[in-house]
Amino acid sequence: MRVPVMAELFANQENPEILFWVGCAGSFDQRAQKITKAFATILNKTGIKYAVLGKEELCTGDPARRAGNEFLFQMMAYQNIQVLNNYNIKKIVTACPHCFNTLKNEYPELGGNYEVIHHATFLQQLIDEGKIKMKEEGGFKGKRITYHDSCYLGRANNIYEAPRKVLEALDSELVEMKRCKSKGLCCGAGGAQMFKEEEKGTVRINTERTEEALSVNPAVIASACPFCNTMLTDGVKSKEKEEDTKVLDIAELVAMAME
């Protein structure tokens, strides 16, 4: 897959319309790499001029800050800001709510001011502008899809409608879980929990959330966050329901259904 790298464009004195911030999960996690590929496919098909930082992209520092290592967070943030400002980046799109929240809300105080958009909002804009057209007989027509709200997208940044509008464009039947939108339940991975053992309790959060999702009998559990995707996929596997219910990112759904 040919993905343009910022350094190459810069050497040719070209500027991309957007910088696609891939994030650690999107770069290294085998499952999340599929989300990255799906989003890059959409960008290629719609003809949007974009680039990635490639090897120059560091982790935003979100897990370090959440886990209490402020020094490490600032060190990583300053390095990223230096790279972004050197390239004179104005607009960033990312498929990870953690990266989105950090770049949008926490980098400005360190000198990193950019227009940051989550891919849910970006996909909705492309659909509204008619740049993404769905196939007549898309594979999700009439299928039951339930959407899981990521904490960092929903409660932290108040983005609830964009991902749902994207799912509605698929002609699917959107069914809500009992706890959704501002009352949604965390998947259990946020706040650096992804990288540590959980504390003892009676039930794992991702199991409880998966049970809620499965109770509405969906063909697809849609998410807009690589961490949520991992936690829900594990939950569905533990319930041995992976044959009946797929866990997919909204970018994957759009990539499959678009012309």
Protein backbone atom coordinates (compact mmCIF):
# COMPACT_ATOMS: atom_id res chain seq x y z
CA MET A 1 0.00 0.00 0.00
CA ARG A 2 1.43 3.37 -0.98
CA VAL A 3 1.12 5.84 1.89
CA PRO A 4 2.76 9.27 1.47
CA VAL A 5 5.29 10.22 4.15
CA MET A 6 5.55 13.83 5.31
CA ALA A 7 9.35 14.07 4.87
CA GLU A 8 9.06 13.09 1.17
CA LEU A 9 6.29 15.64 0.49
CA PHE A 10 8.22 18.32 2.35
CA ALA A 11 11.35 17.60 0.27
CA ASN A 12 9.23 18.17 -2.87
CA GLN A 13 7.85 21.40 -1.34
CA GLU A 14 4.34 19.92 -1.21
CA ASN A 15 1.85 20.36 1.59
CA PRO A 16 -0.80 17.75 2.43
CA GLU A 17 -4.39 18.75 3.17
CA ILE A 18 -4.29 16.65 6.35
CA LEU A 19 -1.74 14.82 8.44
CA PHE A 20 -3.00 11.33 9.33
CA TRP A 21 -1.81 10.64 12.89
CA VAL A 22 -1.61 6.85 13.05
CA GLY A 23 -0.90 6.38 16.77
CA CYS A 24 0.85 3.49 18.55
CA ALA A 25 -2.06 1.05 18.30
CA GLY A 26 -2.59 1.81 14.61
CA SER A 27 1.13 1.28 13.95
CA PHE A 28 2.03 -1.75 16.06
CA ASP A 29 -1.12 -3.66 17.00
CA GLN A 30 -1.97 -6.23 14.31
CA ARG A 31 -5.70 -5.76 14.74
CA ALA A 32 -5.54 -1.95 14.74
CA GLN A 33 -3.30 -1.98 11.64
CA LYS A 34 -6.41 -3.10 9.72
CA ILE A 35 -8.20 0.08 10.88
CA THR A 36 -5.23 2.18 9.68
CA LYS A 37 -5.32 0.41 6.29
CA ALA A 38 -9.08 0.90 6.00
CA PHE A 39 -8.80 4.62 6.74
CA ALA A 40 -5.87 5.04 4.32
CA THR A 41 -7.95 3.20 1.65
CA ILE A 42 -10.79 5.70 2.17
CA LEU A 43 -8.37 8.63 1.87
CA ASN A 44 -6.86 7.16 -1.31
CA LYS A 45 -10.28 6.53 -2.89
CA THR A 46 -11.58 10.02 -2.08
CA GLY A 47 -8.41 11.61 -3.47
CA ILE A 48 -7.61 13.59 -0.33
CA LYS A 49 -4.00 14.73 -0.17
CA TYR A 50 -2.62 13.37 3.07
CA ALA A 51 0.62 12.18 4.64
CA VAL A 52 1.82 10.32 7.74
CA LEU A 53 4.88 11.15 9.82
CA GLY A 54 6.14 7.56 9.61
CA LYS A 55 9.23 6.98 11.75
CA GLU A 56 9.10 10.57 13.01
CA GLU A 57 5.83 9.95 14.87
CA LEU A 58 6.20 9.23 18.58
CA CYS A 59 3.48 8.19 21.01
CA THR A 60 1.50 11.30 22.03
CA GLY A 61 2.38 10.52 25.65
CA ASP A 62 -1.23 9.92 26.69
CA PRO A 63 -0.63 6.61 28.57
CA ALA A 64 2.40 8.12 30.35
CA ARG A 65 0.39 11.12 31.60
CA ARG A 66 -2.60 8.97 32.62
CA ALA A 67 -0.29 6.63 34.54
CA GLY A 68 1.25 9.60 36.35
CA ASN A 69 4.57 10.05 34.53
CA GLU A 70 4.24 13.75 33.68
CA PHE A 71 7.94 14.11 32.87
CA LEU A 72 7.80 11.41 30.18
CA PHE A 73 4.58 12.88 28.76
CA GLN A 74 6.09 16.36 28.36
CA MET A 75 9.29 14.96 26.86
CA MET A 76 7.34 13.08 24.17
CA ALA A 77 4.90 15.94 23.59
CA TYR A 78 7.69 18.49 23.05
CA GLN A 79 9.40 16.19 20.54
CA ASN A 80 6.16 15.68 18.59
CA ILE A 81 5.33 19.40 18.65
CA GLN A 82 8.78 20.23 17.31
CA VAL A 83 8.31 17.83 14.37
CA LEU A 84 4.75 19.04 13.64
CA ASN A 85 5.72 22.72 13.82
CA ASN A 86 8.79 22.16 11.62
CA TYR A 87 6.47 20.81 8.92
CA ASN A 88 4.02 23.64 9.54
CA ILE A 89 1.16 21.19 10.13
CA LYS A 90 -2.26 22.79 10.48
CA LYS A 91 -4.78 19.94 10.34
CA ILE A 92 -4.49 16.48 11.92
CA VAL A 93 -6.89 13.53 11.61
CA THR A 94 -6.54 10.50 13.88
CA ALA A 95 -8.44 7.24 14.32
CA CYS A 96 -7.64 7.04 18.05
CA PRO A 97 -9.68 9.04 20.62
CA HIS A 98 -6.72 9.01 23.04
CA CYS A 99 -4.41 10.63 20.48
CA PHE A 100 -7.26 12.96 19.47
CA ASN A 101 -7.90 14.13 23.04
CA THR A 102 -4.20 14.66 23.80
CA LEU A 103 -3.36 16.49 20.55
CA LYS A 104 -6.50 18.64 20.70
CA ASN A 105 -6.77 19.48 24.39
CA GLU A 106 -3.34 18.98 25.96
CA TYR A 107 -0.79 19.99 23.31
CA PRO A 108 -1.86 23.67 23.02
CA GLU A 109 -0.50 24.50 26.49
CA LEU A 110 2.89 23.18 25.34
CA GLY A 111 2.89 25.18 22.09
CA GLY A 112 1.20 22.71 19.75
CA ASN A 113 -1.84 24.39 18.19
CA TYR A 114 -3.54 22.42 15.43
CA GLU A 115 -7.00 21.70 14.09
CA VAL A 116 -7.48 18.13 15.30
CA ILE A 117 -10.32 15.97 13.97
CA HIS A 118 -11.30 12.44 14.95
CA HIS A 119 -11.90 10.10 12.03
CA ALA A 120 -15.59 9.69 12.99
CA THR A 121 -16.20 13.42 12.43
CA PHE A 122 -14.01 13.41 9.32
CA LEU A 123 -15.87 10.46 7.76
CA GLN A 124 -19.20 12.15 8.49
CA GLN A 125 -17.96 15.31 6.73
CA LEU A 126 -16.86 13.27 3.68
CA ILE A 127 -20.25 11.52 3.53
CA ASP A 128 -22.11 14.85 3.88
CA GLU A 129 -19.99 16.38 1.11
CA GLY A 130 -20.76 13.43 -1.15
CA LYS A 131 -17.11 12.40 -1.39
CA ILE A 132 -17.94 8.96 0.02
CA LYS A 133 -20.69 7.13 -1.83
CA MET A 134 -22.01 3.82 -0.56
CA LYS A 135 -22.65 0.82 -2.83
CA GLU A 136 -26.32 0.21 -3.66
CA GLU A 137 -26.20 -3.22 -2.07
CA GLY A 138 -23.68 -2.55 0.67
CA GLY A 139 -22.95 -5.56 2.86
CA PHE A 140 -24.54 -3.94 5.91
CA LYS A 141 -27.98 -3.06 4.53
CA GLY A 142 -30.56 -3.82 7.22
CA LYS A 143 -27.99 -5.46 9.52
CA ARG A 144 -28.22 -4.80 13.24
CA ILE A 145 -25.28 -2.69 14.40
CA THR A 146 -24.72 -1.41 17.91
CA TYR A 147 -22.22 1.35 18.58
CA HIS A 148 -19.98 1.51 21.66
CA ASP A 149 -19.06 5.05 22.78
CA SER A 150 -15.39 5.55 23.56
CA CYS A 151 -14.94 7.54 26.80
CA TYR A 152 -12.37 9.86 25.24
CA LEU A 153 -14.57 10.57 22.25
CA GLY A 154 -17.90 10.75 24.05
CA ARG A 155 -17.72 12.07 27.58
CA ALA A 156 -14.35 13.78 27.16
CA ASN A 157 -15.09 15.51 23.84
CA ASN A 158 -18.87 15.30 23.42
CA ILE A 159 -18.75 13.51 20.06
CA TYR A 160 -21.80 11.25 19.95
CA GLU A 161 -23.63 12.01 16.72
CA ALA A 162 -20.82 11.80 14.10
CA PRO A 163 -20.13 8.04 14.41
CA ARG A 164 -23.86 7.28 14.50
CA LYS A 165 -24.47 9.35 11.35
CA VAL A 166 -21.69 7.39 9.63
CA LEU A 167 -23.38 4.11 10.61
CA GLU A 168 -26.77 5.38 9.44
CA ALA A 169 -25.24 6.06 6.01
CA LEU A 170 -24.65 2.29 5.72
CA ASP A 171 -28.44 1.70 5.67
CA SER A 172 -28.04 -0.53 8.69
CA GLU A 173 -30.34 -0.84 11.67
CA LEU A 174 -28.68 1.03 14.54
CA VAL A 175 -29.64 -0.43 17.93
CA GLU A 176 -28.52 1.27 21.13
CA MET A 177 -27.24 -0.49 24.23
CA LYS A 178 -28.90 0.24 27.55
CA ARG A 179 -25.92 2.37 28.61
CA CYS A 180 -24.97 4.63 25.72
CA LYS A 181 -23.89 8.17 24.87
CA SER A 182 -23.09 10.17 28.05
CA LYS A 183 -24.08 7.14 30.17
CA GLY A 184 -21.94 4.70 28.18
CA LEU A 185 -19.76 2.19 30.01
CA CYS A 186 -15.97 2.20 29.58
CA CYS A 187 -14.43 -0.79 27.78
CA GLY A 188 -11.83 -1.03 30.55
CA ALA A 189 -8.72 0.09 28.62
CA GLY A 190 -8.62 3.87 29.12
CA GLY A 191 -6.35 5.76 31.50
CA ALA A 192 -3.39 3.45 30.72
CA GLN A 193 -5.34 0.42 32.04
CA MET A 194 -4.59 -1.16 28.64
CA PHE A 195 -1.00 -1.71 29.74
CA LYS A 196 -1.41 -3.09 33.27
CA GLU A 197 -3.12 -5.90 35.08
CA GLU A 198 -6.55 -5.00 36.37
CA GLU A 199 -7.31 -4.76 40.08
CA LYS A 200 -9.31 -7.59 41.62
CA GLY A 201 -13.07 -7.31 41.22
CA THR A 202 -16.06 -9.53 40.60
CA VAL A 203 -16.34 -9.03 36.84
CA ARG A 204 -14.03 -7.65 34.14
CA ILE A 205 -15.29 -4.38 32.66
CA ASN A 206 -14.90 -5.54 29.07
CA THR A 207 -16.93 -8.69 29.86
CA GLU A 208 -19.75 -6.62 31.33
CA ARG A 209 -19.71 -4.25 28.36
CA THR A 210 -19.64 -7.12 25.85
CA GLU A 211 -22.62 -8.78 27.54
CA GLU A 212 -24.51 -5.49 27.21
CA ALA A 213 -23.64 -5.29 23.53
CA LEU A 214 -24.56 -8.92 22.82
CA SER A 215 -27.91 -8.53 24.60
CA VAL A 216 -29.23 -6.45 21.65
CA ASN A 217 -28.31 -9.26 19.19
CA PRO A 218 -26.10 -7.22 16.84
CA ALA A 219 -24.42 -8.58 13.71
CA VAL A 220 -21.71 -5.95 14.28
CA ILE A 221 -20.44 -4.12 17.36
CA ALA A 222 -19.02 -0.88 15.96
CA SER A 223 -16.37 1.16 17.73
CA ALA A 224 -14.26 4.20 16.87
CA CYS A 225 -11.24 3.46 19.07
CA PRO A 226 -8.50 0.81 18.72
CA PHE A 227 -8.45 0.18 22.49
CA CYS A 228 -12.23 -0.35 22.66
CA ASN A 229 -11.94 -2.63 19.64
CA THR A 230 -9.38 -4.85 21.40
CA MET A 231 -11.38 -5.05 24.64
CA LEU A 232 -14.67 -5.83 22.90
CA THR A 233 -13.03 -8.37 20.57
CA ASP A 234 -11.61 -10.16 23.64
CA GLY A 235 -15.04 -10.04 25.27
CA VAL A 236 -16.78 -11.52 22.22
CA LYS A 237 -14.13 -14.29 22.01
CA SER A 238 -14.57 -15.14 25.69
CA LYS A 239 -18.32 -15.55 25.05
CA GLU A 240 -17.52 -17.68 21.94
CA LYS A 241 -19.69 -15.42 19.78
CA GLU A 242 -17.10 -14.39 17.18
CA GLU A 243 -18.95 -16.37 14.47
CA ASP A 244 -22.20 -14.41 14.98
CA THR A 245 -20.92 -10.96 15.98
CA LYS A 246 -18.06 -9.02 14.43
CA VAL A 247 -16.28 -6.14 16.17
CA LEU A 248 -15.37 -3.52 13.54
CA ASP A 249 -14.18 0.07 13.49
CA ILE A 250 -16.38 2.56 11.64
CA ALA A 251 -13.55 3.13 9.12
CA GLU A 252 -13.54 -0.61 8.30
CA LEU A 253 -17.31 -0.58 7.81
CA VAL A 254 -17.11 2.44 5.50
CA ALA A 255 -14.17 0.98 3.52
CA MET A 256 -16.16 -2.23 2.96
CA ALA A 257 -19.39 -0.47 1.97
CA MET A 258 -18.13 2.40 -0.20
CA GLU A 259 -18.05 2.34 -4.00
